[in-house]
Amino acid sequence: MNELKENLEYYIANQDDLVSRFNGRTILIHNQRVIGDYNDFMEGYFVAQSKGYESGSFSLILCSPGEDGFSVNRRTINRFSRMVCA
């Protein structure tokens, strides 16, 4: 199983607990562990990069009730990629 899928499954399985602790924050998940919580995706992304996490080995998820926090579309991913790579 790939790391992104495992991190997402960890989030979904623990969503209620994580929301009670980090609601409204972006959380960085690596190896099915919360590494930290941040104000936004960019802050979490730069922390992941500073820790040497390779792309595809970590997840950044807006911690919130329901599916909105972990449901993204291709347009969102493309926009984020352009911001990070610019």
PDB file of N, CA and C in Angstrom:
ATOM      1  N   MET A   1       0.862  -1.180   0.000  1.00  0.00           N
ATOM      2  CA  MET A   1       0.000   0.000   0.000  1.00  0.00           C
ATOM      3  C   MET A   1       0.905   1.238   0.000  1.00  0.00           C
ATOM      4  N   ASN A   2       0.512   2.267  -0.737  1.00  0.00           N
ATOM      5  CA  ASN A   2       1.389   3.439  -0.769  1.00  0.00           C
ATOM      6  C   ASN A   2       1.168   4.348   0.442  1.00  0.00           C
ATOM      7  N   GLU A   3       2.160   5.190   0.680  1.00  0.00           N
ATOM      8  CA  GLU A   3       2.157   6.013   1.903  1.00  0.00           C
ATOM      9  C   GLU A   3       1.015   7.021   1.943  1.00  0.00           C
ATOM     10  N   LEU A   4       0.688   7.622   0.808  1.00  0.00           N
ATOM     11  CA  LEU A   4      -0.412   8.585   0.799  1.00  0.00           C
ATOM     12  C   LEU A   4      -1.726   7.917   1.199  1.00  0.00           C
ATOM     13  N   LYS A   5      -1.954   6.741   0.660  1.00  0.00           N
ATOM     14  CA  LYS A   5      -3.186   6.022   0.985  1.00  0.00           C
ATOM     15  C   LYS A   5      -3.202   5.641   2.463  1.00  0.00           C
ATOM     16  N   GLU A   6      -2.072   5.174   2.980  1.00  0.00           N
ATOM     17  CA  GLU A   6      -2.006   4.807   4.403  1.00  0.00           C
ATOM     18  C   GLU A   6      -2.233   6.018   5.295  1.00  0.00           C
ATOM     19  N   ASN A   7      -1.659   7.170   4.935  1.00  0.00           N
ATOM     20  CA  ASN A   7      -1.862   8.388   5.722  1.00  0.00           C
ATOM     21  C   ASN A   7      -3.320   8.827   5.693  1.00  0.00           C
ATOM     22  N   LEU A   8      -3.953   8.743   4.515  1.00  0.00           N
ATOM     23  CA  LEU A   8      -5.360   9.115   4.411  1.00  0.00           C
ATOM     24  C   LEU A   8      -6.235   8.174   5.231  1.00  0.00           C
ATOM     25  N   GLU A   9      -5.968   6.886   5.155  1.00  0.00           N
ATOM     26  CA  GLU A   9      -6.738   5.926   5.944  1.00  0.00           C
ATOM     27  C   GLU A   9      -6.551   6.178   7.444  1.00  0.00           C
ATOM     28  N   TYR A  10      -5.346   6.544   7.859  1.00  0.00           N
ATOM     29  CA  TYR A  10      -5.101   6.900   9.258  1.00  0.00           C
ATOM     30  C   TYR A  10      -5.973   8.101   9.642  1.00  0.00           C
ATOM     31  N   TYR A  11      -5.979   9.128   8.786  1.00  0.00           N
ATOM     32  CA  TYR A  11      -6.771  10.320   9.080  1.00  0.00           C
ATOM     33  C   TYR A  11      -8.249   9.980   9.216  1.00  0.00           C
ATOM     34  N   ILE A  12      -8.770   9.237   8.255  1.00  0.00           N
ATOM     35  CA  ILE A  12     -10.200   8.901   8.274  1.00  0.00           C
ATOM     36  C   ILE A  12     -10.549   8.087   9.520  1.00  0.00           C
ATOM     37  N   ALA A  13      -9.705   7.130   9.857  1.00  0.00           N
ATOM     38  CA  ALA A  13      -9.970   6.284  11.030  1.00  0.00           C
ATOM     39  C   ALA A  13      -9.920   7.068  12.333  1.00  0.00           C
ATOM     40  N   ASN A  14      -9.134   8.142  12.362  1.00  0.00           N
ATOM     41  CA  ASN A  14      -8.944   8.914  13.594  1.00  0.00           C
ATOM     42  C   ASN A  14      -9.523  10.321  13.498  1.00  0.00           C
ATOM     43  N   GLN A  15     -10.357  10.567  12.500  1.00  0.00           N
ATOM     44  CA  GLN A  15     -10.832  11.913  12.223  1.00  0.00           C
ATOM     45  C   GLN A  15     -11.506  12.582  13.424  1.00  0.00           C
ATOM     46  N   ASP A  16     -12.376  11.891  14.116  1.00  0.00           N
ATOM     47  CA  ASP A  16     -13.077  12.517  15.245  1.00  0.00           C
ATOM     48  C   ASP A  16     -12.094  13.017  16.300  1.00  0.00           C
ATOM     49  N   ASP A  17     -11.125  12.188  16.661  1.00  0.00           N
ATOM     50  CA  ASP A  17     -10.116  12.593  17.646  1.00  0.00           C
ATOM     51  C   ASP A  17      -9.266  13.741  17.119  1.00  0.00           C
ATOM     52  N   LEU A  18      -8.834  13.647  15.862  1.00  0.00           N
ATOM     53  CA  LEU A  18      -7.988  14.693  15.288  1.00  0.00           C
ATOM     54  C   LEU A  18      -8.739  16.020  15.199  1.00  0.00           C
ATOM     55  N   VAL A  19     -10.013  15.982  14.818  1.00  0.00           N
ATOM     56  CA  VAL A  19     -10.809  17.212  14.748  1.00  0.00           C
ATOM     57  C   VAL A  19     -10.954  17.831  16.132  1.00  0.00           C
ATOM     58  N   SER A  20     -11.114  17.013  17.154  1.00  0.00           N
ATOM     59  CA  SER A  20     -11.242  17.561  18.508  1.00  0.00           C
ATOM     60  C   SER A  20      -9.959  18.266  18.945  1.00  0.00           C
ATOM     61  N   ARG A  21      -8.832  17.882  18.383  1.00  0.00           N
ATOM     62  CA  ARG A  21      -7.544  18.479  18.751  1.00  0.00           C
ATOM     63  C   ARG A  21      -7.057  19.557  17.783  1.00  0.00           C
ATOM     64  N   PHE A  22      -7.385  19.424  16.486  1.00  0.00           N
ATOM     65  CA  PHE A  22      -6.774  20.292  15.476  1.00  0.00           C
ATOM     66  C   PHE A  22      -7.780  20.941  14.524  1.00  0.00           C
ATOM     67  N   ASN A  23      -9.035  21.046  14.904  1.00  0.00           N
ATOM     68  CA  ASN A  23     -10.058  21.562  13.994  1.00  0.00           C
ATOM     69  C   ASN A  23      -9.650  22.910  13.392  1.00  0.00           C
ATOM     70  N   GLY A  24      -9.735  22.981  12.045  1.00  0.00           N
ATOM     71  CA  GLY A  24      -9.414  24.218  11.345  1.00  0.00           C
ATOM     72  C   GLY A  24      -7.942  24.401  11.032  1.00  0.00           C
ATOM     73  N   ARG A  25      -7.111  23.496  11.480  1.00  0.00           N
ATOM     74  CA  ARG A  25      -5.663  23.581  11.242  1.00  0.00           C
ATOM     75  C   ARG A  25      -5.271  22.589  10.151  1.00  0.00           C
ATOM     76  N   THR A  26      -4.198  22.857   9.468  1.00  0.00           N
ATOM     77  CA  THR A  26      -3.651  21.915   8.497  1.00  0.00           C
ATOM     78  C   THR A  26      -2.690  21.008   9.241  1.00  0.00           C
ATOM     79  N   ILE A  27      -2.894  19.704   9.125  1.00  0.00           N
ATOM     80  CA  ILE A  27      -2.001  18.775   9.815  1.00  0.00           C
ATOM     81  C   ILE A  27      -1.107  18.062   8.803  1.00  0.00           C
ATOM     82  N   LEU A  28       0.117  17.827   9.232  1.00  0.00           N
ATOM     83  CA  LEU A  28       1.106  17.091   8.463  1.00  0.00           C
ATOM     84  C   LEU A  28       1.153  15.676   9.004  1.00  0.00           C
ATOM     85  N   ILE A  29       0.873  14.704   8.145  1.00  0.00           N
ATOM     86  CA  ILE A  29       0.885  13.296   8.548  1.00  0.00           C
ATOM     87  C   ILE A  29       1.986  12.588   7.770  1.00  0.00           C
ATOM     88  N   HIS A  30       2.829  11.874   8.492  1.00  0.00           N
ATOM     89  CA  HIS A  30       3.910  11.089   7.886  1.00  0.00           C
ATOM     90  C   HIS A  30       3.984   9.769   8.636  1.00  0.00           C
ATOM     91  N   ASN A  31       4.016   8.663   7.899  1.00  0.00           N
ATOM     92  CA  ASN A  31       4.051   7.326   8.507  1.00  0.00           C
ATOM     93  C   ASN A  31       2.923   7.134   9.517  1.00  0.00           C
ATOM     94  N   GLN A  32       1.736   7.576   9.160  1.00  0.00           N
ATOM     95  CA  GLN A  32       0.535   7.447   9.979  1.00  0.00           C
ATOM     96  C   GLN A  32       0.690   8.084  11.363  1.00  0.00           C
ATOM     97  N   ARG A  33       1.421   9.195  11.412  1.00  0.00           N
ATOM     98  CA  ARG A  33       1.597   9.975  12.649  1.00  0.00           C
ATOM     99  C   ARG A  33       1.420  11.443  12.338  1.00  0.00           C
ATOM    100  N   VAL A  34       0.781  12.164  13.225  1.00  0.00           N
ATOM    101  CA  VAL A  34       0.690  13.614  13.062  1.00  0.00           C
ATOM    102  C   VAL A  34       2.019  14.203  13.497  1.00  0.00           C
ATOM    103  N   ILE A  35       2.678  14.887  12.571  1.00  0.00           N
ATOM    104  CA  ILE A  35       3.968  15.503  12.847  1.00  0.00           C
ATOM    105  C   ILE A  35       3.777  16.891  13.447  1.00  0.00           C
ATOM    106  N   GLY A  36       2.742  17.608  12.968  1.00  0.00           N
ATOM    107  CA  GLY A  36       2.482  18.946  13.487  1.00  0.00           C
ATOM    108  C   GLY A  36       1.216  19.518  12.888  1.00  0.00           C
ATOM    109  N   ASP A  37       0.814  20.651  13.403  1.00  0.00           N
ATOM    110  CA  ASP A  37      -0.352  21.359  12.873  1.00  0.00           C
ATOM    111  C   ASP A  37       0.064  22.782  12.537  1.00  0.00           C
ATOM    112  N   TYR A  38      -0.517  23.309  11.443  1.00  0.00           N
ATOM    113  CA  TYR A  38      -0.041  24.563  10.875  1.00  0.00           C
ATOM    114  C   TYR A  38      -1.206  25.443  10.450  1.00  0.00           C
ATOM    115  N   ASN A  39      -0.898  26.723  10.247  1.00  0.00           N
ATOM    116  CA  ASN A  39      -1.909  27.690   9.841  1.00  0.00           C
ATOM    117  C   ASN A  39      -2.431  27.428   8.435  1.00  0.00           C
ATOM    118  N   ASP A  40      -1.566  26.927   7.550  1.00  0.00           N
ATOM    119  CA  ASP A  40      -1.975  26.703   6.165  1.00  0.00           C
ATOM    120  C   ASP A  40      -1.120  25.616   5.523  1.00  0.00           C
ATOM    121  N   PHE A  41      -1.479  25.259   4.291  1.00  0.00           N
ATOM    122  CA  PHE A  41      -0.788  24.193   3.575  1.00  0.00           C
ATOM    123  C   PHE A  41       0.673  24.540   3.319  1.00  0.00           C
ATOM    124  N   MET A  42       0.928  25.788   2.930  1.00  0.00           N
ATOM    125  CA  MET A  42       2.301  26.181   2.594  1.00  0.00           C
ATOM    126  C   MET A  42       3.230  26.004   3.789  1.00  0.00           C
ATOM    127  N   GLU A  43       2.793  26.418   4.960  1.00  0.00           N
ATOM    128  CA  GLU A  43       3.620  26.265   6.160  1.00  0.00           C
ATOM    129  C   GLU A  43       3.916  24.784   6.409  1.00  0.00           C
ATOM    130  N   GLY A  44       2.906  23.954   6.315  1.00  0.00           N
ATOM    131  CA  GLY A  44       3.096  22.513   6.497  1.00  0.00           C
ATOM    132  C   GLY A  44       4.003  21.918   5.443  1.00  0.00           C
ATOM    133  N   TYR A  45       3.842  22.374   4.202  1.00  0.00           N
ATOM    134  CA  TYR A  45       4.678  21.869   3.111  1.00  0.00           C
ATOM    135  C   TYR A  45       6.149  22.194   3.355  1.00  0.00           C
ATOM    136  N   PHE A  46       6.434  23.431   3.745  1.00  0.00           N
ATOM    137  CA  PHE A  46       7.824  23.813   3.968  1.00  0.00           C
ATOM    138  C   PHE A  46       8.430  23.077   5.164  1.00  0.00           C
ATOM    139  N   VAL A  47       7.637  22.788   6.173  1.00  0.00           N
ATOM    140  CA  VAL A  47       8.123  21.984   7.301  1.00  0.00           C
ATOM    141  C   VAL A  47       8.461  20.575   6.815  1.00  0.00           C
ATOM    142  N   ALA A  48       7.579  19.991   6.013  1.00  0.00           N
ATOM    143  CA  ALA A  48       7.829  18.641   5.477  1.00  0.00           C
ATOM    144  C   ALA A  48       9.120  18.620   4.663  1.00  0.00           C
ATOM    145  N   GLN A  49       9.313  19.636   3.835  1.00  0.00           N
ATOM    146  CA  GLN A  49      10.536  19.711   3.036  1.00  0.00           C
ATOM    147  C   GLN A  49      11.766  19.872   3.919  1.00  0.00           C
ATOM    148  N   SER A  50      11.657  20.683   4.966  1.00  0.00           N
ATOM    149  CA  SER A  50      12.806  20.898   5.856  1.00  0.00           C
ATOM    150  C   SER A  50      13.173  19.632   6.626  1.00  0.00           C
ATOM    151  N   LYS A  51      12.202  18.743   6.811  1.00  0.00           N
ATOM    152  CA  LYS A  51      12.464  17.469   7.488  1.00  0.00           C
ATOM    153  C   LYS A  51      12.968  16.400   6.519  1.00  0.00           C
ATOM    154  N   GLY A  52      13.033  16.749   5.233  1.00  0.00           N
ATOM    155  CA  GLY A  52      13.528  15.815   4.237  1.00  0.00           C
ATOM    156  C   GLY A  52      12.514  14.797   3.750  1.00  0.00           C
ATOM    157  N   TYR A  53      11.211  15.022   4.009  1.00  0.00           N
ATOM    158  CA  TYR A  53      10.188  14.106   3.534  1.00  0.00           C
ATOM    159  C   TYR A  53      10.061  14.246   2.022  1.00  0.00           C
ATOM    160  N   GLU A  54      10.099  13.151   1.326  1.00  0.00           N
ATOM    161  CA  GLU A  54       9.952  13.166  -0.125  1.00  0.00           C
ATOM    162  C   GLU A  54       8.490  13.338  -0.503  1.00  0.00           C
ATOM    163  N   SER A  55       8.260  13.972  -1.650  1.00  0.00           N
ATOM    164  CA  SER A  55       6.896  14.089  -2.156  1.00  0.00           C
ATOM    165  C   SER A  55       6.286  12.705  -2.267  1.00  0.00           C
ATOM    166  N   GLY A  56       5.050  12.585  -1.833  1.00  0.00           N
ATOM    167  CA  GLY A  56       4.369  11.300  -1.859  1.00  0.00           C
ATOM    168  C   GLY A  56       4.527  10.493  -0.593  1.00  0.00           C
ATOM    169  N   SER A  57       5.361  10.979   0.342  1.00  0.00           N
ATOM    170  CA  SER A  57       5.547  10.243   1.596  1.00  0.00           C
ATOM    171  C   SER A  57       4.821  10.895   2.763  1.00  0.00           C
ATOM    172  N   PHE A  58       4.195  12.044   2.518  1.00  0.00           N
ATOM    173  CA  PHE A  58       3.487  12.746   3.589  1.00  0.00           C
ATOM    174  C   PHE A  58       2.182  13.298   3.054  1.00  0.00           C
ATOM    175  N   SER A  59       1.285  13.618   3.964  1.00  0.00           N
ATOM    176  CA  SER A  59      -0.005  14.201   3.605  1.00  0.00           C
ATOM    177  C   SER A  59      -0.232  15.476   4.394  1.00  0.00           C
ATOM    178  N   LEU A  60      -0.809  16.456   3.729  1.00  0.00           N
ATOM    179  CA  LEU A  60      -1.250  17.686   4.376  1.00  0.00           C
ATOM    180  C   LEU A  60      -2.761  17.733   4.247  1.00  0.00           C
ATOM    181  N   ILE A  61      -3.452  17.768   5.380  1.00  0.00           N
ATOM    182  CA  ILE A  61      -4.912  17.695   5.373  1.00  0.00           C
ATOM    183  C   ILE A  61      -5.475  18.800   6.266  1.00  0.00           C
ATOM    184  N   LEU A  62      -6.451  19.526   5.730  1.00  0.00           N
ATOM    185  CA  LEU A  62      -7.173  20.492   6.545  1.00  0.00           C
ATOM    186  C   LEU A  62      -8.072  19.697   7.480  1.00  0.00           C
ATOM    187  N   CYS A  63      -7.811  19.794   8.740  1.00  0.00           N
ATOM    188  CA  CYS A  63      -8.525  18.997   9.732  1.00  0.00           C
ATOM    189  C   CYS A  63      -9.895  19.626   9.992  1.00  0.00           C
ATOM    190  N   SER A  64     -10.934  18.917   9.582  1.00  0.00           N
ATOM    191  CA  SER A  64     -12.295  19.418   9.757  1.00  0.00           C
ATOM    192  C   SER A  64     -13.257  18.237   9.707  1.00  0.00           C
ATOM    193  N   PRO A  65     -14.451  18.426  10.263  1.00  0.00           N
ATOM    194  CA  PRO A  65     -15.431  17.343  10.231  1.00  0.00           C
ATOM    195  C   PRO A  65     -15.890  17.076   8.801  1.00  0.00           C
ATOM    196  N   GLY A  66     -16.322  15.870   8.536  1.00  0.00           N
ATOM    197  CA  GLY A  66     -16.826  15.515   7.221  1.00  0.00           C
ATOM    198  C   GLY A  66     -15.714  15.235   6.225  1.00  0.00           C
ATOM    199  N   GLU A  67     -16.088  15.167   4.961  1.00  0.00           N
ATOM    200  CA  GLU A  67     -15.133  14.803   3.916  1.00  0.00           C
ATOM    201  C   GLU A  67     -14.423  15.996   3.294  1.00  0.00           C
ATOM    202  N   ASP A  68     -14.830  17.218   3.598  1.00  0.00           N
ATOM    203  CA  ASP A  68     -14.260  18.388   2.934  1.00  0.00           C
ATOM    204  C   ASP A  68     -12.749  18.511   3.127  1.00  0.00           C
ATOM    205  N   GLY A  69     -12.251  18.140   4.277  1.00  0.00           N
ATOM    206  CA  GLY A  69     -10.828  18.298   4.559  1.00  0.00           C
ATOM    207  C   GLY A  69      -9.932  17.389   3.750  1.00  0.00           C
ATOM    208  N   PHE A  70     -10.428  16.251   3.330  1.00  0.00           N
ATOM    209  CA  PHE A  70      -9.564  15.333   2.604  1.00  0.00           C
ATOM    210  C   PHE A  70     -10.046  15.049   1.186  1.00  0.00           C
ATOM    211  N   SER A  71     -11.024  15.788   0.719  1.00  0.00           N
ATOM    212  CA  SER A  71     -11.491  15.651  -0.656  1.00  0.00           C
ATOM    213  C   SER A  71     -10.952  16.820  -1.465  1.00  0.00           C
ATOM    214  N   VAL A  72     -10.149  16.535  -2.458  1.00  0.00           N
ATOM    215  CA  VAL A  72      -9.624  17.583  -3.332  1.00  0.00           C
ATOM    216  C   VAL A  72      -9.901  17.191  -4.778  1.00  0.00           C
ATOM    217  N   ASN A  73      -9.859  18.189  -5.627  1.00  0.00           N
ATOM    218  CA  ASN A  73     -10.010  17.883  -7.039  1.00  0.00           C
ATOM    219  C   ASN A  73      -8.714  18.213  -7.770  1.00  0.00           C
ATOM    220  N   ARG A  74      -8.618  17.786  -8.999  1.00  0.00           N
ATOM    221  CA  ARG A  74      -7.399  17.971  -9.781  1.00  0.00           C
ATOM    222  C   ARG A  74      -7.016  19.449  -9.895  1.00  0.00           C
ATOM    223  N   ARG A  75      -7.997  20.333  -9.997  1.00  0.00           N
ATOM    224  CA  ARG A  75      -7.728  21.759 -10.118  1.00  0.00           C
ATOM    225  C   ARG A  75      -7.006  22.290  -8.883  1.00  0.00           C
ATOM    226  N   THR A  76      -7.437  21.863  -7.709  1.00  0.00           N
ATOM    227  CA  THR A  76      -6.787  22.287  -6.466  1.00  0.00           C
ATOM    228  C   THR A  76      -5.340  21.823  -6.445  1.00  0.00           C
ATOM    229  N   ILE A  77      -5.101  20.576  -6.833  1.00  0.00           N
ATOM    230  CA  ILE A  77      -3.741  20.033  -6.826  1.00  0.00           C
ATOM    231  C   ILE A  77      -2.866  20.786  -7.815  1.00  0.00           C
ATOM    232  N   ASN A  78      -3.372  21.063  -9.014  1.00  0.00           N
ATOM    233  CA  ASN A  78      -2.590  21.787 -10.011  1.00  0.00           C
ATOM    234  C   ASN A  78      -2.246  23.191  -9.535  1.00  0.00           C
ATOM    235  N   ARG A  79      -3.205  23.867  -8.929  1.00  0.00           N
ATOM    236  CA  ARG A  79      -2.968  25.213  -8.422  1.00  0.00           C
ATOM    237  C   ARG A  79      -1.902  25.197  -7.333  1.00  0.00           C
ATOM    238  N   PHE A  80      -1.992  24.257  -6.418  1.00  0.00           N
ATOM    239  CA  PHE A  80      -1.006  24.136  -5.335  1.00  0.00           C
ATOM    240  C   PHE A  80       0.370  23.832  -5.914  1.00  0.00           C
ATOM    241  N   SER A  81       0.452  22.932  -6.880  1.00  0.00           N
ATOM    242  CA  SER A  81       1.728  22.569  -7.488  1.00  0.00           C
ATOM    243  C   SER A  81       2.389  23.772  -8.138  1.00  0.00           C
ATOM    244  N   ARG A  82       1.601  24.593  -8.828  1.00  0.00           N
ATOM    245  CA  ARG A  82       2.167  25.788  -9.462  1.00  0.00           C
ATOM    246  C   ARG A  82       2.696  26.755  -8.411  1.00  0.00           C
ATOM    247  N   MET A  83       1.995  26.909  -7.297  1.00  0.00           N
ATOM    248  CA  MET A  83       2.451  27.822  -6.239  1.00  0.00           C
ATOM    249  C   MET A  83       3.765  27.334  -5.647  1.00  0.00           C
ATOM    250  N   VAL A  84       3.888  26.048  -5.408  1.00  0.00           N
ATOM    251  CA  VAL A  84       5.070  25.502  -4.755  1.00  0.00           C
ATOM    252  C   VAL A  84       6.260  25.495  -5.698  1.00  0.00           C
ATOM    253  N   CYS A  85       6.019  25.205  -6.963  1.00  0.00           N
ATOM    254  CA  CYS A  85       7.115  25.073  -7.927  1.00  0.00           C
ATOM    255  C   CYS A  85       7.538  26.405  -8.536  1.00  0.00           C
ATOM    256  N   ALA A  86       6.767  27.450  -8.308  1.00  0.00           N
ATOM    257  CA  ALA A  86       7.096  28.747  -8.920  1.00  0.00           C
ATOM    258  C   ALA A  86       8.314  29.370  -8.297  1.00  0.00           C
TER     259      ALA A  86
END
